[in-house]
């Protein structure tokens, strides 16, 4: 599918109220679940194998969203079949005292992939211009008050974009995905977490309290999505009310970005290739152990 319909162009003004939170194309749920999604996952596995073997790029996928938008389940369904040797998931919760004693990108940078790896961020550096801003946390931290100006959030946008550009220019592109859930669907999912015993563990009272800040969150998300989507680190706004569709779109985005990198299996030089041919012949003749003993 053409996922560019969900991609935010650089300097594009985002109005979340006008962007659908549900499946907005003519497509059958059963077709997606039984045919299209499995096919995309199969292609993703093939690309990941090449990425891991080639070890030239390290790829990061950021998932940001309101509470109960489906970040965990999306990660589970989209990435669970990939080779775990080259796949890591990092969830960023409230900073520890050690993390708070450093700059806000310190803990994020530590979690970046090595070449050949894919890392998924469940929340990210953007918490520092969303949650920190909504709850005015800078004033409560050991952040120098003289640096808290009217331009602090614009400055952070610039810092983050410079950092993302640096990563892209060094072979570590970052792709950012915002799971766009409606307030009504969020309410439905929170009630579901309360009503079903097997989902009680997912429920947090803070999720209910955060709903009163819904409008603030939407306002600040609109601002950061408008100002931090770039050609080298784009944002995709993916409808999140229909989980089956969300997972399919996210999987298609991952495959699209892997195709762009176009990794391939490393080729051997002629000397090593000749050695392998000789070893293969010895194995077939049952003489390999004799050679090893000699």
C-alpha atoms as a PDB file:
ATOM      1  CA  UNK A   1       0.000   0.000   0.000  1.00  0.00           C
ATOM      2  CA  UNK A   2       1.025   3.631  -0.429  1.00  0.00           C
ATOM      3  CA  UNK A   3       1.965   4.703   3.114  1.00  0.00           C
ATOM      4  CA  UNK A   4       2.961   8.173   1.949  1.00  0.00           C
ATOM      5  CA  UNK A   5      -0.669   9.193   2.542  1.00  0.00           C
ATOM      6  CA  UNK A   6       0.210   9.097   6.258  1.00  0.00           C
ATOM      7  CA  UNK A   7       3.587  10.816   5.959  1.00  0.00           C
ATOM      8  CA  UNK A   8       3.941  14.415   7.154  1.00  0.00           C
ATOM      9  CA  UNK A   9       5.835  16.656   4.786  1.00  0.00           C
ATOM     10  CA  UNK A  10       8.465  19.014   6.148  1.00  0.00           C
ATOM     11  CA  UNK A  11       6.852  22.253   7.401  1.00  0.00           C
ATOM     12  CA  UNK A  12       3.358  20.836   6.887  1.00  0.00           C
ATOM     13  CA  UNK A  13       0.814  22.160   9.394  1.00  0.00           C
ATOM     14  CA  UNK A  14      -0.853  19.306  11.270  1.00  0.00           C
ATOM     15  CA  UNK A  15      -4.418  19.448  12.560  1.00  0.00           C
ATOM     16  CA  UNK A  16      -5.143  16.156  14.310  1.00  0.00           C
ATOM     17  CA  UNK A  17      -8.864  16.875  14.419  1.00  0.00           C
ATOM     18  CA  UNK A  18      -8.952  16.622  10.615  1.00  0.00           C
ATOM     19  CA  UNK A  19      -6.892  13.435  10.382  1.00  0.00           C
ATOM     20  CA  UNK A  20      -8.767  10.093  10.545  1.00  0.00           C
ATOM     21  CA  UNK A  21      -8.225   7.749  13.473  1.00  0.00           C
ATOM     22  CA  UNK A  22      -9.857   4.797  11.676  1.00  0.00           C
ATOM     23  CA  UNK A  23      -9.204   2.788   8.512  1.00  0.00           C
ATOM     24  CA  UNK A  24      -9.742   5.342   5.753  1.00  0.00           C
ATOM     25  CA  UNK A  25      -9.305   3.241   2.605  1.00  0.00           C
ATOM     26  CA  UNK A  26     -11.459   0.605   0.932  1.00  0.00           C
ATOM     27  CA  UNK A  27      -9.913  -2.609   2.182  1.00  0.00           C
ATOM     28  CA  UNK A  28     -11.292  -5.778   3.756  1.00  0.00           C
ATOM     29  CA  UNK A  29     -10.272  -6.681   7.304  1.00  0.00           C
ATOM     30  CA  UNK A  30     -10.092 -10.412   6.530  1.00  0.00           C
ATOM     31  CA  UNK A  31      -7.960  -9.803   3.450  1.00  0.00           C
ATOM     32  CA  UNK A  32      -5.509  -7.763   5.513  1.00  0.00           C
ATOM     33  CA  UNK A  33      -5.303 -10.277   8.355  1.00  0.00           C
ATOM     34  CA  UNK A  34      -5.134 -13.429   6.232  1.00  0.00           C
ATOM     35  CA  UNK A  35      -3.184 -12.315   3.157  1.00  0.00           C
ATOM     36  CA  UNK A  36      -1.718  -8.811   3.066  1.00  0.00           C
ATOM     37  CA  UNK A  37      -0.297  -8.550   6.581  1.00  0.00           C
ATOM     38  CA  UNK A  38       1.419 -11.997   6.506  1.00  0.00           C
ATOM     39  CA  UNK A  39       2.927 -11.130   3.113  1.00  0.00           C
ATOM     40  CA  UNK A  40       4.365  -7.847   4.431  1.00  0.00           C
ATOM     41  CA  UNK A  41       5.812  -9.592   7.494  1.00  0.00           C
ATOM     42  CA  UNK A  42       7.432 -12.200   5.226  1.00  0.00           C
ATOM     43  CA  UNK A  43       9.098  -9.443   3.188  1.00  0.00           C
ATOM     44  CA  UNK A  44      10.147  -7.645   6.365  1.00  0.00           C
ATOM     45  CA  UNK A  45      11.913 -10.779   7.634  1.00  0.00           C
ATOM     46  CA  UNK A  46      13.835 -11.060   4.363  1.00  0.00           C
ATOM     47  CA  UNK A  47      14.988  -7.438   4.504  1.00  0.00           C
ATOM     48  CA  UNK A  48      15.957  -7.697   8.170  1.00  0.00           C
ATOM     49  CA  UNK A  49      18.125 -10.717   7.461  1.00  0.00           C
ATOM     50  CA  UNK A  50      20.045  -8.725   4.836  1.00  0.00           C
ATOM     51  CA  UNK A  51      20.290  -5.651   7.083  1.00  0.00           C
ATOM     52  CA  UNK A  52      21.731  -7.788   9.874  1.00  0.00           C
ATOM     53  CA  UNK A  53      24.201  -9.538   7.554  1.00  0.00           C
ATOM     54  CA  UNK A  54      25.360  -6.365   5.809  1.00  0.00           C
ATOM     55  CA  UNK A  55      25.886  -4.355   9.008  1.00  0.00           C
ATOM     56  CA  UNK A  56      25.946  -0.945   7.335  1.00  0.00           C
ATOM     57  CA  UNK A  57      22.831   0.706   8.751  1.00  0.00           C
ATOM     58  CA  UNK A  58      21.162   0.773  12.145  1.00  0.00           C
ATOM     59  CA  UNK A  59      17.451   1.570  12.003  1.00  0.00           C
ATOM     60  CA  UNK A  60      15.270   3.090  14.731  1.00  0.00           C
ATOM     61  CA  UNK A  61      11.479   3.192  14.720  1.00  0.00           C
ATOM     62  CA  UNK A  62       9.849   5.563  17.202  1.00  0.00           C
ATOM     63  CA  UNK A  63       6.300   4.921  18.424  1.00  0.00           C
ATOM     64  CA  UNK A  64       4.582   7.847  20.125  1.00  0.00           C
ATOM     65  CA  UNK A  65       0.924   8.051  21.091  1.00  0.00           C
ATOM     66  CA  UNK A  66      -1.654   8.875  23.685  1.00  0.00           C
ATOM     67  CA  UNK A  67      -2.250   6.246  26.373  1.00  0.00           C
ATOM     68  CA  UNK A  68      -4.025   3.060  25.199  1.00  0.00           C
ATOM     69  CA  UNK A  69      -3.318   3.790  21.534  1.00  0.00           C
ATOM     70  CA  UNK A  70      -1.810   0.316  21.075  1.00  0.00           C
ATOM     71  CA  UNK A  71       1.956   0.838  21.129  1.00  0.00           C
ATOM     72  CA  UNK A  72       2.729  -2.450  22.915  1.00  0.00           C
ATOM     73  CA  UNK A  73       0.382  -4.591  20.829  1.00  0.00           C
ATOM     74  CA  UNK A  74       1.623  -2.990  17.608  1.00  0.00           C
ATOM     75  CA  UNK A  75       5.222  -3.792  18.514  1.00  0.00           C
ATOM     76  CA  UNK A  76       4.250  -7.344  19.427  1.00  0.00           C
ATOM     77  CA  UNK A  77       2.303  -8.079  16.249  1.00  0.00           C
ATOM     78  CA  UNK A  78       4.564  -6.300  13.757  1.00  0.00           C
ATOM     79  CA  UNK A  79       8.024  -7.274  15.006  1.00  0.00           C
ATOM     80  CA  UNK A  80       7.590 -10.604  16.833  1.00  0.00           C
ATOM     81  CA  UNK A  81       8.659 -12.739  13.861  1.00  0.00           C
ATOM     82  CA  UNK A  82      11.947 -10.937  13.251  1.00  0.00           C
ATOM     83  CA  UNK A  83      15.322 -12.359  14.271  1.00  0.00           C
ATOM     84  CA  UNK A  84      15.733 -11.364  17.943  1.00  0.00           C
ATOM     85  CA  UNK A  85      19.519 -11.233  17.539  1.00  0.00           C
ATOM     86  CA  UNK A  86      19.165  -8.014  15.570  1.00  0.00           C
ATOM     87  CA  UNK A  87      16.038  -6.580  17.163  1.00  0.00           C
ATOM     88  CA  UNK A  88      15.630  -4.628  20.392  1.00  0.00           C
ATOM     89  CA  UNK A  89      12.731  -2.812  22.037  1.00  0.00           C
ATOM     90  CA  UNK A  90      13.331   0.050  24.435  1.00  0.00           C
ATOM     91  CA  UNK A  91      10.536   1.562  26.537  1.00  0.00           C
ATOM     92  CA  UNK A  92      11.183   4.997  27.955  1.00  0.00           C
ATOM     93  CA  UNK A  93       9.368   5.545  31.212  1.00  0.00           C
ATOM     94  CA  UNK A  94       9.833   8.285  33.788  1.00  0.00           C
ATOM     95  CA  UNK A  95      13.569   9.116  33.955  1.00  0.00           C
ATOM     96  CA  UNK A  96      15.559   7.614  36.810  1.00  0.00           C
ATOM     97  CA  UNK A  97      17.589   9.857  39.092  1.00  0.00           C
ATOM     98  CA  UNK A  98      20.713   8.920  37.108  1.00  0.00           C
ATOM     99  CA  UNK A  99      19.039   9.739  33.787  1.00  0.00           C
ATOM    100  CA  UNK A 100      17.714  13.024  35.165  1.00  0.00           C
ATOM    101  CA  UNK A 101      21.244  14.038  36.139  1.00  0.00           C
ATOM    102  CA  UNK A 102      22.229  14.038  32.457  1.00  0.00           C
ATOM    103  CA  UNK A 103      20.928  15.902  29.408  1.00  0.00           C
ATOM    104  CA  UNK A 104      17.578  14.614  28.117  1.00  0.00           C
ATOM    105  CA  UNK A 105      19.075  12.893  25.052  1.00  0.00           C
ATOM    106  CA  UNK A 106      21.631  10.937  27.085  1.00  0.00           C
ATOM    107  CA  UNK A 107      19.424   7.948  27.836  1.00  0.00           C
ATOM    108  CA  UNK A 108      18.002   7.986  24.307  1.00  0.00           C
ATOM    109  CA  UNK A 109      21.405   7.934  22.629  1.00  0.00           C
ATOM    110  CA  UNK A 110      22.493   4.976  24.775  1.00  0.00           C
ATOM    111  CA  UNK A 111      19.619   2.906  23.383  1.00  0.00           C
ATOM    112  CA  UNK A 112      20.392   3.435  19.688  1.00  0.00           C
ATOM    113  CA  UNK A 113      21.071   0.409  17.471  1.00  0.00           C
ATOM    114  CA  UNK A 114      24.428  -0.837  16.280  1.00  0.00           C
ATOM    115  CA  UNK A 115      24.903  -1.299  12.546  1.00  0.00           C
ATOM    116  CA  UNK A 116      22.755  -4.189  11.361  1.00  0.00           C
ATOM    117  CA  UNK A 117      20.209  -3.783  14.146  1.00  0.00           C
ATOM    118  CA  UNK A 118      16.637  -2.534  14.375  1.00  0.00           C
ATOM    119  CA  UNK A 119      15.505  -0.807  17.560  1.00  0.00           C
ATOM    120  CA  UNK A 120      11.930   0.132  18.408  1.00  0.00           C
ATOM    121  CA  UNK A 121      11.395   2.986  20.836  1.00  0.00           C
ATOM    122  CA  UNK A 122       8.199   2.751  22.869  1.00  0.00           C
ATOM    123  CA  UNK A 123       8.033   6.487  23.590  1.00  0.00           C
ATOM    124  CA  UNK A 124      11.165   8.502  22.934  1.00  0.00           C
ATOM    125  CA  UNK A 125      12.992  11.820  23.103  1.00  0.00           C
ATOM    126  CA  UNK A 126       9.671  13.457  22.293  1.00  0.00           C
ATOM    127  CA  UNK A 127       8.424  12.821  25.814  1.00  0.00           C
ATOM    128  CA  UNK A 128      10.675  15.758  26.722  1.00  0.00           C
ATOM    129  CA  UNK A 129       8.575  18.151  24.644  1.00  0.00           C
ATOM    130  CA  UNK A 130       5.224  16.558  25.454  1.00  0.00           C
ATOM    131  CA  UNK A 131       4.841  15.175  28.996  1.00  0.00           C
ATOM    132  CA  UNK A 132       7.486  17.541  30.349  1.00  0.00           C
ATOM    133  CA  UNK A 133       5.621  20.446  28.799  1.00  0.00           C
ATOM    134  CA  UNK A 134       2.073  19.393  29.756  1.00  0.00           C
ATOM    135  CA  UNK A 135       3.036  18.906  33.406  1.00  0.00           C
ATOM    136  CA  UNK A 136       5.620  21.709  33.554  1.00  0.00           C
ATOM    137  CA  UNK A 137       8.268  19.301  34.792  1.00  0.00           C
ATOM    138  CA  UNK A 138      11.283  21.454  33.956  1.00  0.00           C
ATOM    139  CA  UNK A 139      10.481  23.701  36.885  1.00  0.00           C
ATOM    140  CA  UNK A 140      10.466  20.654  39.168  1.00  0.00           C
ATOM    141  CA  UNK A 141      13.764  19.242  37.910  1.00  0.00           C
ATOM    142  CA  UNK A 142      17.317  20.389  38.559  1.00  0.00           C
ATOM    143  CA  UNK A 143      17.256  22.206  35.225  1.00  0.00           C
ATOM    144  CA  UNK A 144      18.813  25.696  35.346  1.00  0.00           C
ATOM    145  CA  UNK A 145      15.932  28.144  35.697  1.00  0.00           C
ATOM    146  CA  UNK A 146      17.858  30.771  33.714  1.00  0.00           C
ATOM    147  CA  UNK A 147      17.566  28.488  30.656  1.00  0.00           C
ATOM    148  CA  UNK A 148      13.789  28.134  30.894  1.00  0.00           C
ATOM    149  CA  UNK A 149      12.725  30.817  28.441  1.00  0.00           C
ATOM    150  CA  UNK A 150       9.775  31.352  26.135  1.00  0.00           C
ATOM    151  CA  UNK A 151      11.828  29.671  23.416  1.00  0.00           C
ATOM    152  CA  UNK A 152      12.712  26.486  25.324  1.00  0.00           C
ATOM    153  CA  UNK A 153      10.451  24.179  23.268  1.00  0.00           C
ATOM    154  CA  UNK A 154      11.518  25.637  19.929  1.00  0.00           C
ATOM    155  CA  UNK A 155      15.105  25.144  21.053  1.00  0.00           C
ATOM    156  CA  UNK A 156      14.417  21.533  21.923  1.00  0.00           C
ATOM    157  CA  UNK A 157      12.797  20.902  18.559  1.00  0.00           C
ATOM    158  CA  UNK A 158      15.958  22.239  16.912  1.00  0.00           C
ATOM    159  CA  UNK A 159      18.226  20.173  19.163  1.00  0.00           C
ATOM    160  CA  UNK A 160      16.292  16.990  18.404  1.00  0.00           C
ATOM    161  CA  UNK A 161      16.258  17.632  14.658  1.00  0.00           C
ATOM    162  CA  UNK A 162      20.009  18.349  14.572  1.00  0.00           C
ATOM    163  CA  UNK A 163      20.600  15.119  16.494  1.00  0.00           C
ATOM    164  CA  UNK A 164      18.363  13.113  14.140  1.00  0.00           C
ATOM    165  CA  UNK A 165      20.150  14.601  11.139  1.00  0.00           C
ATOM    166  CA  UNK A 166      23.519  13.678  12.639  1.00  0.00           C
ATOM    167  CA  UNK A 167      22.297  10.095  13.084  1.00  0.00           C
ATOM    168  CA  UNK A 168      20.955   9.880   9.522  1.00  0.00           C
ATOM    169  CA  UNK A 169      24.212  11.228   8.096  1.00  0.00           C
ATOM    170  CA  UNK A 170      26.091   8.493   9.958  1.00  0.00           C
ATOM    171  CA  UNK A 171      23.908   5.616   8.780  1.00  0.00           C
ATOM    172  CA  UNK A 172      21.387   5.497  11.622  1.00  0.00           C
ATOM    173  CA  UNK A 173      18.066   6.787  10.241  1.00  0.00           C
ATOM    174  CA  UNK A 174      15.121   7.293  12.585  1.00  0.00           C
ATOM    175  CA  UNK A 175      11.531   6.823  11.435  1.00  0.00           C
ATOM    176  CA  UNK A 176       8.819   8.252  13.682  1.00  0.00           C
ATOM    177  CA  UNK A 177       5.268   6.943  13.931  1.00  0.00           C
ATOM    178  CA  UNK A 178       2.410   8.601  15.795  1.00  0.00           C
ATOM    179  CA  UNK A 179      -0.482   6.235  16.536  1.00  0.00           C
ATOM    180  CA  UNK A 180      -3.518   8.479  16.238  1.00  0.00           C
ATOM    181  CA  UNK A 181      -6.306   7.222  18.516  1.00  0.00           C
ATOM    182  CA  UNK A 182      -9.596   8.996  19.166  1.00  0.00           C
ATOM    183  CA  UNK A 183     -10.671  10.041  22.651  1.00  0.00           C
ATOM    184  CA  UNK A 184     -13.742   7.801  22.394  1.00  0.00           C
ATOM    185  CA  UNK A 185     -11.689   4.747  21.428  1.00  0.00           C
ATOM    186  CA  UNK A 186      -9.225   5.463  24.237  1.00  0.00           C
ATOM    187  CA  UNK A 187     -12.123   5.512  26.693  1.00  0.00           C
ATOM    188  CA  UNK A 188     -13.390   2.186  25.327  1.00  0.00           C
ATOM    189  CA  UNK A 189      -9.971   0.563  25.769  1.00  0.00           C
ATOM    190  CA  UNK A 190      -9.502   1.898  29.281  1.00  0.00           C
ATOM    191  CA  UNK A 191     -12.907   0.523  30.282  1.00  0.00           C
ATOM    192  CA  UNK A 192     -11.914  -2.794  28.720  1.00  0.00           C
ATOM    193  CA  UNK A 193      -8.773  -2.871  30.857  1.00  0.00           C
ATOM    194  CA  UNK A 194     -10.869  -2.366  33.974  1.00  0.00           C
ATOM    195  CA  UNK A 195     -13.615  -4.845  33.012  1.00  0.00           C
ATOM    196  CA  UNK A 196     -11.490  -7.803  31.926  1.00  0.00           C
ATOM    197  CA  UNK A 197      -9.418  -9.459  34.688  1.00  0.00           C
ATOM    198  CA  UNK A 198      -6.750 -10.604  32.216  1.00  0.00           C
ATOM    199  CA  UNK A 199      -6.190  -6.959  31.256  1.00  0.00           C
ATOM    200  CA  UNK A 200      -6.280  -5.423  34.742  1.00  0.00           C
ATOM    201  CA  UNK A 201      -2.492  -5.408  34.854  1.00  0.00           C
ATOM    202  CA  UNK A 202      -2.460  -2.919  31.969  1.00  0.00           C
ATOM    203  CA  UNK A 203      -4.610  -0.412  33.813  1.00  0.00           C
ATOM    204  CA  UNK A 204      -3.055   2.555  35.587  1.00  0.00           C
ATOM    205  CA  UNK A 205      -5.005   5.233  37.438  1.00  0.00           C
ATOM    206  CA  UNK A 206      -2.699   7.789  35.854  1.00  0.00           C
ATOM    207  CA  UNK A 207      -4.228   6.929  32.456  1.00  0.00           C
ATOM    208  CA  UNK A 208      -7.582   8.209  33.699  1.00  0.00           C
ATOM    209  CA  UNK A 209      -6.053  11.329  35.234  1.00  0.00           C
ATOM    210  CA  UNK A 210      -4.200  12.114  32.016  1.00  0.00           C
ATOM    211  CA  UNK A 211      -7.461  12.297  30.062  1.00  0.00           C
ATOM    212  CA  UNK A 212      -8.205  15.712  31.523  1.00  0.00           C
ATOM    213  CA  UNK A 213      -5.105  16.959  29.683  1.00  0.00           C
ATOM    214  CA  UNK A 214      -6.304  15.558  26.351  1.00  0.00           C
ATOM    215  CA  UNK A 215      -6.624  18.937  24.632  1.00  0.00           C
ATOM    216  CA  UNK A 216      -3.176  20.037  25.809  1.00  0.00           C
ATOM    217  CA  UNK A 217      -1.619  16.824  24.537  1.00  0.00           C
ATOM    218  CA  UNK A 218      -3.332  17.216  21.169  1.00  0.00           C
ATOM    219  CA  UNK A 219      -2.149  20.822  20.901  1.00  0.00           C
ATOM    220  CA  UNK A 220       1.466  19.992  21.691  1.00  0.00           C
ATOM    221  CA  UNK A 221       1.480  16.914  19.469  1.00  0.00           C
ATOM    222  CA  UNK A 222       0.194  19.012  16.582  1.00  0.00           C
ATOM    223  CA  UNK A 223       3.017  21.466  17.136  1.00  0.00           C
ATOM    224  CA  UNK A 224       5.817  18.912  17.314  1.00  0.00           C
ATOM    225  CA  UNK A 225       4.461  16.882  14.368  1.00  0.00           C
ATOM    226  CA  UNK A 226       4.340  20.076  12.307  1.00  0.00           C
ATOM    227  CA  UNK A 227       7.818  21.223  13.275  1.00  0.00           C
ATOM    228  CA  UNK A 228       9.895  18.033  13.523  1.00  0.00           C
ATOM    229  CA  UNK A 229       8.965  16.003  10.440  1.00  0.00           C
ATOM    230  CA  UNK A 230      11.900  16.126   8.035  1.00  0.00           C
ATOM    231  CA  UNK A 231      13.116  14.330   4.926  1.00  0.00           C
ATOM    232  CA  UNK A 232      15.733  12.463   6.988  1.00  0.00           C
ATOM    233  CA  UNK A 233      13.491  11.687  10.001  1.00  0.00           C
ATOM    234  CA  UNK A 234       9.859  11.834   8.907  1.00  0.00           C
ATOM    235  CA  UNK A 235       6.697  11.457  10.958  1.00  0.00           C
ATOM    236  CA  UNK A 236       3.858   9.161   9.932  1.00  0.00           C
ATOM    237  CA  UNK A 237       0.431   9.679  11.522  1.00  0.00           C
ATOM    238  CA  UNK A 238      -1.209   6.245  11.515  1.00  0.00           C
ATOM    239  CA  UNK A 239      -4.908   5.674  12.329  1.00  0.00           C
ATOM    240  CA  UNK A 240      -5.057   3.688  15.584  1.00  0.00           C
ATOM    241  CA  UNK A 241      -8.760   3.005  16.277  1.00  0.00           C
ATOM    242  CA  UNK A 242      -8.725  -0.194  14.168  1.00  0.00           C
ATOM    243  CA  UNK A 243      -5.857  -2.283  15.488  1.00  0.00           C
ATOM    244  CA  UNK A 244      -5.775  -4.679  12.538  1.00  0.00           C
ATOM    245  CA  UNK A 245      -5.290  -1.738  10.191  1.00  0.00           C
ATOM    246  CA  UNK A 246      -2.777   0.038  12.436  1.00  0.00           C
ATOM    247  CA  UNK A 247      -0.538  -3.021  12.469  1.00  0.00           C
ATOM    248  CA  UNK A 248      -0.743  -3.416   8.719  1.00  0.00           C
ATOM    249  CA  UNK A 249       0.156   0.225   8.031  1.00  0.00           C
ATOM    250  CA  UNK A 250       3.069   0.181  10.500  1.00  0.00           C
ATOM    251  CA  UNK A 251       4.399  -3.030   8.920  1.00  0.00           C
ATOM    252  CA  UNK A 252       4.169  -1.409   5.479  1.00  0.00           C
ATOM    253  CA  UNK A 253       6.093   1.635   6.744  1.00  0.00           C
ATOM    254  CA  UNK A 254       8.843  -0.604   8.122  1.00  0.00           C
ATOM    255  CA  UNK A 255       9.141  -2.472   4.812  1.00  0.00           C
ATOM    256  CA  UNK A 256       9.176   0.777   2.847  1.00  0.00           C
ATOM    257  CA  UNK A 257      12.065   2.135   4.915  1.00  0.00           C
ATOM    258  CA  UNK A 258      13.989  -1.135   4.633  1.00  0.00           C
ATOM    259  CA  UNK A 259      13.545  -1.078   0.861  1.00  0.00           C
ATOM    260  CA  UNK A 260      15.027   2.422   0.779  1.00  0.00           C
ATOM    261  CA  UNK A 261      18.157   1.178   2.546  1.00  0.00           C
ATOM    262  CA  UNK A 262      18.241  -1.780   0.110  1.00  0.00           C
ATOM    263  CA  UNK A 263      20.598  -3.958   2.179  1.00  0.00           C
ATOM    264  CA  UNK A 264      22.161  -7.024   0.580  1.00  0.00           C
ATOM    265  CA  UNK A 265      24.122 -10.046   1.688  1.00  0.00           C
ATOM    266  CA  UNK A 266      27.892  -9.384   1.722  1.00  0.00           C
ATOM    267  CA  UNK A 267      29.863 -10.883  -1.142  1.00  0.00           C
ATOM    268  CA  UNK A 268      33.058 -12.814  -0.490  1.00  0.00           C
ATOM    269  CA  UNK A 269      36.353 -12.053  -2.139  1.00  0.00           C
ATOM    270  CA  UNK A 270      37.634 -14.625  -4.613  1.00  0.00           C
ATOM    271  CA  UNK A 271      40.240 -16.047  -2.210  1.00  0.00           C
ATOM    272  CA  UNK A 272      37.723 -16.815   0.528  1.00  0.00           C
ATOM    273  CA  UNK A 273      35.229 -18.125  -2.020  1.00  0.00           C
ATOM    274  CA  UNK A 274      37.827 -20.578  -3.338  1.00  0.00           C
ATOM    275  CA  UNK A 275      38.610 -21.754   0.213  1.00  0.00           C
ATOM    276  CA  UNK A 276      34.933 -22.425   0.845  1.00  0.00           C
ATOM    277  CA  UNK A 277      34.666 -24.463  -2.339  1.00  0.00           C
ATOM    278  CA  UNK A 278      37.621 -26.587  -1.227  1.00  0.00           C
ATOM    279  CA  UNK A 279      36.073 -27.097   2.220  1.00  0.00           C
ATOM    280  CA  UNK A 280      32.767 -28.089   0.626  1.00  0.00           C
ATOM    281  CA  UNK A 281      34.546 -30.705  -1.494  1.00  0.00           C
ATOM    282  CA  UNK A 282      36.361 -32.109   1.545  1.00  0.00           C
ATOM    283  CA  UNK A 283      33.104 -32.275   3.500  1.00  0.00           C
ATOM    284  CA  UNK A 284      31.390 -34.155   0.677  1.00  0.00           C
ATOM    285  CA  UNK A 285      34.336 -36.603   0.506  1.00  0.00           C
ATOM    286  CA  UNK A 286      34.360 -37.110   4.257  1.00  0.00           C
ATOM    287  CA  UNK A 287      37.942 -35.840   4.551  1.00  0.00           C
ATOM    288  CA  UNK A 288      37.361 -32.643   6.523  1.00  0.00           C
ATOM    289  CA  UNK A 289      38.194 -34.204   9.898  1.00  0.00           C
ATOM    290  CA  UNK A 290      41.470 -35.556   8.564  1.00  0.00           C
ATOM    291  CA  UNK A 291      42.442 -32.083   7.379  1.00  0.00           C
ATOM    292  CA  UNK A 292      41.541 -30.598  10.753  1.00  0.00           C
ATOM    293  CA  UNK A 293      43.624 -33.217  12.578  1.00  0.00           C
ATOM    294  CA  UNK A 294      46.608 -32.488  10.347  1.00  0.00           C
END
